[in-house]
Amino acid sequence: MAKQPGLDNRSRDNSGQTRAKNGATRVGTLRETYGEKFAEGRRSDLKLDNLLDQTGSSSLSEYLRSQKK
């Protein structure tokens, strides 16, 4: 039986957990999923880990929630 895709079409592991985005993922790549305004004003070669450190976010989900305010 095929597993259902997770959030943003990320795959799930055997326990059903959605695979986390890798901290080395670049902002430019994330803009393909979240739109051109994702991390607006930041370089496209900035890594996700660095973006999270700079914004004080512990995860991509937390960062996205903070940007909706």
Protein backbone atom coordinates (compact mmCIF):
# COMPACT_ATOMS: atom_id res chain seq x y z
CA MET A 1 0.00 0.00 0.00
CA ALA A 2 1.44 3.39 -1.00
CA LYS A 3 1.92 5.92 1.73
CA GLN A 4 0.13 9.24 1.44
CA PRO A 5 2.40 12.21 0.90
CA GLY A 6 2.96 14.53 3.83
CA LEU A 7 2.96 18.28 4.03
CA ASP A 8 4.15 19.97 0.84
CA ASN A 9 4.32 16.50 -0.76
CA ARG A 10 7.19 15.44 1.52
CA SER A 11 7.48 11.71 1.99
CA ARG A 12 6.69 9.91 5.22
CA ASP A 13 8.88 7.38 6.98
CA ASN A 14 7.63 4.01 8.22
CA SER A 15 6.20 5.50 11.41
CA GLY A 16 4.11 7.95 9.40
CA GLN A 17 6.16 11.00 10.41
CA THR A 18 6.74 13.60 7.72
CA ARG A 19 10.37 13.91 6.75
CA ALA A 20 11.83 17.22 7.93
CA LYS A 21 13.39 19.69 5.54
CA ASN A 22 17.17 19.44 5.57
CA GLY A 23 18.93 22.41 7.20
CA ALA A 24 21.18 22.67 4.15
CA THR A 25 18.18 23.43 1.92
CA ARG A 26 18.65 26.84 0.33
CA VAL A 27 16.13 29.68 0.49
CA GLY A 28 15.97 29.70 -3.32
CA THR A 29 14.77 26.10 -3.29
CA LEU A 30 12.19 26.86 -0.59
CA ARG A 31 10.87 29.74 -2.68
CA GLU A 32 9.84 27.19 -5.31
CA THR A 33 7.44 25.75 -2.73
CA TYR A 34 6.47 28.77 -0.61
CA GLY A 35 6.58 31.54 -3.22
CA GLU A 36 8.92 34.37 -4.12
CA LYS A 37 8.13 36.30 -0.93
CA PHE A 38 9.56 33.50 1.26
CA ALA A 39 12.41 35.01 3.32
CA GLU A 40 12.01 38.25 1.40
CA GLY A 41 15.14 40.38 1.36
CA ARG A 42 17.41 37.41 2.00
CA ARG A 43 19.82 35.85 -0.47
CA SER A 44 18.63 32.77 -2.33
CA ASP A 45 21.81 30.86 -1.39
CA LEU A 46 21.15 31.29 2.37
CA LYS A 47 20.75 27.90 4.03
CA LEU A 48 17.63 27.07 6.03
CA ASP A 49 19.67 26.46 9.21
CA ASN A 50 21.14 29.96 8.96
CA LEU A 51 17.73 31.52 8.29
CA LEU A 52 16.30 29.80 11.37
CA ASP A 53 19.26 30.96 13.49
CA GLN A 54 18.93 34.55 12.25
CA THR A 55 15.19 34.67 12.96
CA GLY A 56 15.25 32.73 16.24
CA SER A 57 12.98 30.02 14.85
CA SER A 58 13.44 26.39 15.81
CA SER A 59 11.87 24.91 12.66
CA LEU A 60 10.58 25.79 9.22
CA SER A 61 7.01 25.45 10.51
CA GLU A 62 7.70 27.91 13.32
CA TYR A 63 9.29 30.35 10.87
CA LEU A 64 6.28 30.13 8.54
CA ARG A 65 3.87 30.74 11.44
CA SER A 66 5.86 33.78 12.56
CA GLN A 67 5.67 35.30 9.07
CA LYS A 68 1.86 35.15 8.96
CA LYS A 69 1.56 37.73 11.75
